[in-house]
N, C-alpha and C. Protein backbone atom coordinates (compact mmCIF):
# COMPACT_ATOMS: atom_id res chain seq x y z
N MET A 1 0.60 -0.82 0.06
CA MET A 1 -0.10 0.03 -0.19
C MET A 1 0.87 1.27 0.18
N SER A 2 0.49 2.29 -0.91
CA SER A 2 1.20 3.29 -0.43
C SER A 2 0.92 4.39 0.50
N THR A 3 1.80 5.14 1.07
CA THR A 3 1.63 6.12 2.07
C THR A 3 1.30 7.41 1.50
N GLN A 4 1.66 7.44 0.03
CA GLN A 4 0.93 8.76 -0.60
C GLN A 4 -0.73 9.36 -0.25
N PRO A 5 -0.58 10.94 0.29
CA PRO A 5 -2.00 10.93 0.32
C PRO A 5 -2.69 11.12 -1.00
N VAL A 6 -3.58 10.47 -0.68
CA VAL A 6 -5.21 11.05 -1.57
C VAL A 6 -5.35 12.66 -2.23
N LEU A 7 -5.35 12.62 -3.37
CA LEU A 7 -5.61 14.02 -3.42
C LEU A 7 -6.62 14.20 -4.19
N ALA A 8 -7.63 15.57 -4.08
CA ALA A 8 -8.66 15.66 -3.99
C ALA A 8 -9.06 16.19 -5.70
N SER A 9 -7.54 16.41 -6.30
CA SER A 9 -8.14 16.95 -8.23
C SER A 9 -6.14 16.24 -8.94
N ASP A 10 -6.22 16.41 -9.92
CA ASP A 10 -4.94 16.38 -10.53
C ASP A 10 -4.31 17.31 -10.28
N GLU A 11 -4.94 18.22 -10.26
CA GLU A 11 -3.88 19.79 -9.88
C GLU A 11 -3.30 19.81 -9.13
N ILE A 12 -3.79 19.62 -8.13
CA ILE A 12 -3.01 19.96 -6.93
C ILE A 12 -1.77 18.90 -6.57
N SER A 13 -0.87 19.71 -6.60
CA SER A 13 0.76 19.25 -6.81
C SER A 13 1.56 19.23 -5.05
N PHE A 14 0.63 19.36 -4.13
CA PHE A 14 1.05 19.88 -3.04
C PHE A 14 0.01 19.09 -1.88
N ALA A 15 0.78 18.08 -1.20
CA ALA A 15 -0.23 18.08 0.09
C ALA A 15 -0.06 18.32 1.13
N PRO A 16 -0.28 19.03 2.09
CA PRO A 16 0.43 19.72 2.97
C PRO A 16 0.22 18.86 4.69
N GLN A 17 1.53 19.21 5.00
CA GLN A 17 1.80 17.92 5.75
C GLN A 17 1.39 18.59 7.39
N HIS A 18 0.12 17.92 7.92
CA HIS A 18 -0.38 18.65 9.05
C HIS A 18 0.32 17.77 10.26
N ALA A 19 0.90 18.40 11.03
CA ALA A 19 1.41 18.06 12.29
C ALA A 19 0.29 17.70 13.57
N ASP A 20 0.87 16.99 14.51
CA ASP A 20 -0.07 16.94 15.53
C ASP A 20 -0.75 17.86 16.52
N ASN A 21 -1.85 18.19 16.98
CA ASN A 21 -1.72 19.08 17.47
C ASN A 21 -1.11 19.79 18.62
N ALA A 22 -0.53 19.07 19.52
CA ALA A 22 0.81 19.58 20.19
C ALA A 22 1.62 20.36 19.55
N ALA A 23 2.36 19.87 18.70
CA ALA A 23 3.55 20.76 17.97
C ALA A 23 2.73 22.00 17.33
N PHE A 24 1.66 22.12 16.91
CA PHE A 24 0.92 23.55 16.58
C PHE A 24 0.70 23.92 17.83
N MET A 25 0.53 23.99 18.96
CA MET A 25 0.26 24.59 19.94
C MET A 25 1.40 25.15 19.92
N LYS A 26 2.86 24.22 20.03
CA LYS A 26 3.94 25.01 20.40
C LYS A 26 4.73 25.91 19.48
N THR A 27 3.91 25.63 18.08
CA THR A 27 4.75 26.44 17.20
C THR A 27 3.81 27.95 17.36
N VAL A 28 2.85 28.08 18.06
CA VAL A 28 2.01 28.88 17.74
C VAL A 28 2.05 29.84 19.12
N LYS A 29 2.91 29.37 20.35
CA LYS A 29 3.49 29.86 21.39
C LYS A 29 4.62 30.69 20.97
N LYS A 30 5.21 29.93 20.45
CA LYS A 30 6.48 30.39 20.33
C LYS A 30 6.52 31.33 19.39
N VAL A 31 5.64 31.63 18.05
CA VAL A 31 5.45 32.92 17.21
C VAL A 31 4.64 33.68 18.21
N THR A 32 3.46 33.94 18.79
CA THR A 32 3.27 34.81 19.66
C THR A 32 4.33 35.32 20.60
N ILE A 33 5.21 34.34 21.31
CA ILE A 33 6.52 35.05 22.45
C ILE A 33 7.05 35.94 21.52
N ILE A 34 7.85 35.14 20.14
CA ILE A 34 8.48 36.35 19.46
C ILE A 34 7.61 37.32 19.04
N LEU A 35 6.59 37.28 18.51
CA LEU A 35 5.79 38.62 18.25
C LEU A 35 5.75 40.16 19.41
N SER A 36 5.48 39.16 20.47
CA SER A 36 5.32 39.81 21.88
C SER A 36 6.67 40.92 21.96
N VAL A 37 7.50 39.95 21.83
CA VAL A 37 8.71 40.60 22.11
C VAL A 37 9.46 41.47 21.21
N ILE A 38 9.21 41.31 19.72
CA ILE A 38 9.24 42.50 18.71
C ILE A 38 8.12 43.61 19.25
N THR A 39 7.40 43.23 19.41
CA THR A 39 6.54 44.53 19.59
C THR A 39 6.89 45.48 21.15
N ILE A 40 7.30 44.66 22.13
CA ILE A 40 7.87 45.22 23.37
C ILE A 40 8.79 45.98 22.91
N ILE A 41 10.17 45.86 22.08
CA ILE A 41 10.79 46.36 21.69
C ILE A 41 10.94 47.57 21.01
N GLU A 42 9.97 47.26 20.08
CA GLU A 42 9.41 48.54 19.20
C GLU A 42 8.86 49.61 20.18
N LEU A 43 7.61 48.96 21.16
CA LEU A 43 7.58 50.41 21.83
C LEU A 43 8.30 51.09 22.67
N GLY A 44 9.38 50.12 23.22
CA GLY A 44 10.38 50.65 23.86
C GLY A 44 11.22 51.83 23.20
N LEU A 45 11.74 51.18 22.08
CA LEU A 45 12.07 52.52 20.79
C LEU A 45 11.56 53.57 20.61
N GLY A 46 9.98 53.36 20.68
CA GLY A 46 9.55 54.56 20.49
C GLY A 46 9.21 55.46 21.84
N LEU A 47 9.59 54.86 22.94
CA LEU A 47 9.30 55.37 24.13
C LEU A 47 10.85 56.22 23.92
N LEU A 48 11.41 55.51 23.80
CA LEU A 48 13.31 56.40 23.79
C LEU A 48 13.27 57.41 22.83
N MET A 49 12.93 57.31 21.48
CA MET A 49 12.34 58.33 20.55
C MET A 49 11.91 59.29 20.75
N TYR A 50 10.85 59.29 21.52
CA TYR A 50 9.94 60.47 22.61
C TYR A 50 10.60 61.29 23.02
N ASN A 51 11.76 60.27 23.92
CA ASN A 51 12.60 61.14 24.80
C ASN A 51 13.67 61.85 24.39
N LEU A 52 14.12 61.62 23.41
CA LEU A 52 15.34 62.24 22.63
C LEU A 52 14.73 63.29 21.53
N SER A 53 13.54 63.51 21.16
CA SER A 53 12.90 64.46 20.42
C SER A 53 14.17 65.87 20.44
N GLY A 54 14.47 66.22 21.18
CA GLY A 54 15.65 67.43 21.45
C GLY A 54 17.00 66.79 20.98
N GLY A 55 17.08 65.68 20.50
CA GLY A 55 18.23 65.37 20.80
C GLY A 55 18.94 65.21 18.92
N SER A 56 19.89 64.21 18.43
CA SER A 56 20.35 63.77 17.39
C SER A 56 19.28 63.74 17.05
N HIS A 57 19.55 64.33 15.13
CA HIS A 57 18.31 63.68 13.96
C HIS A 57 18.85 62.06 13.40
N LEU A 58 20.48 62.57 14.14
CA LEU A 58 20.68 60.95 12.97
C LEU A 58 20.22 59.94 13.97
N ALA A 59 20.20 59.77 15.16
CA ALA A 59 19.62 59.20 16.37
C ALA A 59 18.29 58.39 16.18
N VAL A 60 17.47 59.06 16.04
CA VAL A 60 16.14 59.37 15.92
C VAL A 60 15.94 58.77 14.41
N LEU A 61 16.49 59.11 13.41
CA LEU A 61 16.58 57.91 12.01
C LEU A 61 17.12 56.83 12.40
N LEU A 62 17.97 56.64 13.06
CA LEU A 62 18.46 55.15 12.88
C LEU A 62 17.41 54.31 13.83
N ILE A 63 16.67 55.34 15.04
CA ILE A 63 15.64 54.57 15.37
C ILE A 63 14.43 54.09 14.70
N LYS A 64 13.95 54.91 13.70
CA LYS A 64 13.10 54.79 12.81
C LYS A 64 13.31 53.67 11.71
N GLY A 65 14.54 53.85 11.69
CA GLY A 65 14.97 52.40 10.54
C GLY A 65 14.99 51.06 11.26
N VAL A 66 15.23 51.29 12.60
CA VAL A 66 15.15 50.10 13.42
C VAL A 66 13.62 49.14 13.79
N VAL A 67 12.83 50.53 13.96
CA VAL A 67 11.56 49.59 13.75
C VAL A 67 10.70 49.35 12.85
N VAL A 68 11.23 49.70 11.45
CA VAL A 68 10.77 49.78 10.30
C VAL A 68 11.23 48.11 10.22
N ILE A 69 12.29 48.04 10.04
CA ILE A 69 12.61 46.51 10.07
C ILE A 69 12.09 45.25 11.08
N LEU A 70 12.26 45.98 11.91
CA LEU A 70 11.28 44.89 13.33
C LEU A 70 9.62 44.94 13.09
N SER A 71 9.23 46.19 11.73
CA SER A 71 7.90 45.69 11.97
C SER A 71 7.68 44.86 10.32
N LEU A 72 9.07 44.75 9.66
CA LEU A 72 9.11 43.39 8.40
C LEU A 72 8.98 42.50 8.90
N ALA A 73 9.91 42.33 10.25
CA ALA A 73 10.05 41.05 11.04
C ALA A 73 8.70 40.37 11.08
N LYS A 74 7.66 41.27 11.85
CA LYS A 74 6.79 41.10 12.45
C LYS A 74 5.33 40.73 11.44
N ALA A 75 5.63 41.30 10.37
CA ALA A 75 5.35 41.25 9.25
C ALA A 75 5.30 39.35 8.60
N PHE A 76 6.56 39.25 8.37
CA PHE A 76 6.80 37.98 8.02
C PHE A 76 6.32 36.86 8.95
N TYR A 77 6.24 36.75 10.23
CA TYR A 77 5.65 36.29 11.06
C TYR A 77 4.58 35.86 10.84
N ILE A 78 3.99 37.05 10.77
CA ILE A 78 2.20 36.97 11.06
C ILE A 78 1.95 36.72 9.81
N THR A 79 2.47 36.86 8.04
CA THR A 79 1.99 35.65 7.10
C THR A 79 2.40 34.64 7.01
N ALA A 80 3.27 34.04 7.63
CA ALA A 80 3.85 32.58 7.40
C ALA A 80 3.32 31.58 8.35
N TYR A 81 2.88 32.08 9.64
CA TYR A 81 2.28 31.26 10.38
C TYR A 81 0.81 31.53 10.36
N PHE A 82 0.76 32.72 10.92
CA PHE A 82 -1.08 32.67 11.10
C PHE A 82 -1.90 32.52 9.86
N MET A 83 -1.50 33.41 8.65
CA MET A 83 -1.96 33.32 7.16
C MET A 83 -1.69 31.96 6.61
N HIS A 84 -0.88 31.28 7.13
CA HIS A 84 -0.27 29.81 6.70
C HIS A 84 0.44 30.12 5.50
N LEU A 85 0.88 30.86 4.74
CA LEU A 85 1.84 30.94 3.73
C LEU A 85 2.90 30.67 3.78
N GLY A 86 3.49 30.50 4.96
CA GLY A 86 5.07 29.58 4.97
C GLY A 86 4.88 28.11 4.43
N ASP A 87 3.54 27.64 4.47
CA ASP A 87 3.29 25.78 4.34
C ASP A 87 3.33 25.59 2.64
N GLU A 88 2.90 26.88 1.85
CA GLU A 88 2.85 26.93 0.86
C GLU A 88 3.94 26.47 -0.39
N ILE A 89 3.19 26.54 -1.52
CA ILE A 89 5.03 25.81 -2.58
C ILE A 89 5.25 27.37 -3.05
N ARG A 90 6.10 27.57 -3.33
CA ARG A 90 7.15 28.79 -3.79
C ARG A 90 6.49 29.80 -4.75
N ASN A 91 5.23 29.09 -5.90
CA ASN A 91 4.77 29.85 -6.90
C ASN A 91 3.64 30.49 -6.16
N PHE A 92 3.22 30.15 -5.47
CA PHE A 92 2.15 30.87 -4.59
C PHE A 92 2.15 31.63 -3.86
N ILE A 93 3.55 31.63 -3.15
CA ILE A 93 4.17 32.72 -2.55
C ILE A 93 4.41 33.80 -3.32
N MET A 94 5.17 33.71 -4.54
CA MET A 94 5.77 34.67 -5.10
C MET A 94 4.23 35.60 -5.70
N THR A 95 3.23 34.49 -6.16
CA THR A 95 1.94 35.69 -6.35
C THR A 95 1.55 36.24 -5.28
N ILE A 96 1.90 35.96 -3.99
CA ILE A 96 1.27 36.89 -3.20
C ILE A 96 2.21 37.98 -2.93
N ILE A 97 3.51 37.67 -2.88
CA ILE A 97 4.72 38.75 -2.44
C ILE A 97 5.07 39.63 -3.56
N VAL A 98 4.85 39.09 -4.97
CA VAL A 98 5.48 40.24 -5.65
C VAL A 98 4.38 41.09 -6.23
N PRO A 99 3.35 41.10 -6.10
CA PRO A 99 2.49 42.51 -6.13
C PRO A 99 2.34 43.38 -5.17
N LEU A 100 2.49 42.55 -3.86
CA LEU A 100 3.16 43.30 -2.62
C LEU A 100 3.61 44.16 -2.34
N ALA A 101 5.24 43.75 -3.11
CA ALA A 101 6.35 44.46 -3.43
C ALA A 101 5.92 45.84 -4.51
N LEU A 102 5.14 45.41 -5.18
CA LEU A 102 4.66 46.49 -6.05
C LEU A 102 3.35 47.46 -5.47
N PHE A 103 3.05 47.14 -4.60
CA PHE A 103 1.91 48.06 -4.43
C PHE A 103 2.78 49.14 -3.27
N ILE A 104 3.72 48.61 -2.58
CA ILE A 104 4.50 49.47 -1.75
C ILE A 104 5.52 50.32 -2.49
N TRP A 105 5.69 49.61 -3.98
CA TRP A 105 6.67 50.64 -4.70
C TRP A 105 5.55 51.56 -5.29
N PHE A 106 4.33 51.43 -5.37
CA PHE A 106 3.15 52.30 -6.32
C PHE A 106 3.08 53.37 -4.64
N ILE A 107 3.04 52.90 -3.97
CA ILE A 107 2.40 54.00 -2.39
C ILE A 107 3.58 54.87 -2.21
N ILE A 108 4.91 54.39 -2.28
CA ILE A 108 6.25 55.11 -2.03
C ILE A 108 6.47 56.15 -3.26
N ALA A 109 5.81 55.54 -4.41
CA ALA A 109 5.92 56.30 -5.95
C ALA A 109 4.81 57.73 -5.86
N PHE A 110 3.98 57.23 -5.35
CA PHE A 110 2.66 58.45 -5.39
C PHE A 110 3.13 59.25 -3.90
N LEU A 111 3.62 58.97 -3.37
CA LEU A 111 3.77 59.74 -2.12
C LEU A 111 4.98 61.07 -2.45
N TYR A 112 5.75 60.19 -3.15
CA TYR A 112 6.92 61.28 -4.02
C TYR A 112 6.69 61.96 -4.77
N GLU A 113 5.94 61.99 -5.85
CA GLU A 113 5.17 62.47 -6.51
C GLU A 113 4.20 63.42 -5.97
N GLY A 114 3.28 62.95 -4.69
CA GLY A 114 3.09 64.10 -3.93
C GLY A 114 3.62 65.17 -3.39
N ASP A 115 4.47 64.82 -2.89
CA ASP A 115 5.20 65.90 -2.19
C ASP A 115 5.91 66.85 -3.03
N SER A 116 6.23 66.30 -4.28
CA SER A 116 6.56 66.98 -5.57
C SER A 116 6.03 67.89 -5.83
N TRP A 117 4.88 67.67 -6.31
CA TRP A 117 3.73 68.06 -6.85
C TRP A 117 3.28 69.20 -5.69
N ARG A 118 3.21 69.03 -4.51
CA ARG A 118 3.05 70.35 -3.17
C ARG A 118 4.02 71.29 -3.18
N ASN A 119 5.43 70.90 -3.71
CA ASN A 119 6.57 71.80 -3.48
C ASN A 119 6.46 72.80 -4.78
N LEU A 120 6.16 72.11 -6.14
CA LEU A 120 6.14 72.94 -7.32
C LEU A 120 4.36 73.76 -7.13
N ARG A 121 3.65 73.21 -6.76
CA ARG A 121 2.49 74.23 -6.69
C ARG A 121 2.41 75.33 -5.44
N ASN A 122 3.38 75.12 -4.41
CA ASN A 122 3.30 76.87 -3.93
C ASN A 122 4.29 77.62 -4.16
N THR A 123 5.54 77.41 -5.76
CA THR A 123 6.19 77.99 -5.83
C THR A 123 5.26 78.29 -8.15
N ARG A 124 4.56 77.83 -7.83
CA ARG A 124 3.33 78.24 -9.00
C ARG A 124 4.64 77.69 -10.32
N ALA A 125 4.65 76.37 -10.10
CA ALA A 125 5.26 75.46 -11.19
C ALA A 125 6.57 75.71 -11.37
N GLY A 126 7.26 76.81 -10.71
CA GLY A 126 8.66 76.88 -10.71
C GLY A 126 9.23 78.26 -11.26
N SER A 127 7.66 78.46 -11.98
CA SER A 127 8.00 79.78 -12.82
C SER A 127 7.82 80.82 -11.96
N TYR A 128 7.37 80.76 -10.54
CA TYR A 128 6.90 82.04 -10.09
C TYR A 128 7.95 82.99 -9.68
N LYS A 129 8.15 84.58 -9.60
CA LYS A 129 8.88 85.03 -9.78
C LYS A 129 8.23 86.13 -8.96
N PRO A 130 8.53 86.97 -7.81
CA PRO A 130 7.65 88.13 -6.78
C PRO A 130 8.25 89.08 -7.77
N LYS A 131 6.97 89.99 -8.01
CA LYS A 131 7.46 91.05 -8.94
C LYS A 131 7.87 92.14 -8.13
N THR A 132 8.81 92.68 -8.96
CA THR A 132 9.41 93.76 -8.94
C THR A 132 8.72 95.47 -8.69
N GLU A 133 8.90 96.05 -7.79
CA GLU A 133 8.13 97.03 -7.97
C GLU A 133 8.93 97.99 -8.73
N GLN A 134 7.88 98.52 -10.07
CA GLN A 134 8.44 99.40 -10.65
C GLN A 134 8.17 100.96 -10.77
N THR A 135 8.80 101.81 -10.27
CA THR A 135 8.63 102.95 -10.01
C THR A 135 8.42 103.69 -11.73
N VAL A 136 7.17 104.56 -11.08
CA VAL A 136 7.30 105.58 -12.49
C VAL A 136 7.08 106.95 -12.32
N PRO A 137 8.34 107.07 -13.18
CA PRO A 137 9.13 108.50 -12.96
C PRO A 137 7.70 109.76 -12.45
N ALA A 138 8.09 110.54 -11.77
CA ALA A 138 7.34 111.53 -11.37
C ALA A 138 6.89 112.78 -12.89
N VAL A 139 5.92 113.02 -12.96
CA VAL A 139 5.60 114.47 -13.95
C VAL A 139 5.92 115.89 -12.93
N LYS A 140 6.40 116.41 -13.70
CA LYS A 140 6.42 117.91 -13.21
C LYS A 140 5.44 118.67 -13.53
N PRO A 141 4.94 118.93 -12.65
CA PRO A 141 2.91 119.92 -13.17
C PRO A 141 3.80 120.61 -14.22
N GLY A 142 2.96 121.08 -15.15
CA GLY A 142 3.51 122.05 -16.33
C GLY A 142 4.25 121.57 -17.64
N ALA A 143 5.06 120.21 -16.90
CA ALA A 143 5.41 119.97 -18.08
C ALA A 143 5.04 118.83 -19.14
N GLU A 144 3.93 118.40 -19.09
CA GLU A 144 3.51 117.94 -20.15
C GLU A 144 3.68 118.51 -21.48
N LYS A 145 3.51 117.18 -22.20
CA LYS A 145 3.41 118.14 -23.48
C LYS A 145 2.16 117.83 -24.48
């Protein structure tokens, strides 16, 4: 007898391997603890950044960069484990990740263009020059022709 799982359709090329309930609960607890630790670190960095408001601009940018990286790590864990994307085949993962990356690029491009448009609008598309006051020579009375 074959130990291969019976698939409902010939089109399915990947049969998920389900672990027992104890192993699943262990994985959920591990991922929950990791997400909790990352969140606590993010909150601590946010409080530190709030207290450094009068401090170095470089330190604030560094903290913001670390928070972005930690947020991406949380997004990875959430999609991989709680949305079960980590158990899928590579092609399906790419059909989710590639449009997501393009959508993020789309948002960044529109924010950049919006800022550029705002700056140009404030200067009348870059062609605004303040009017210089022209002085009209005074005409002496009786000097008209």
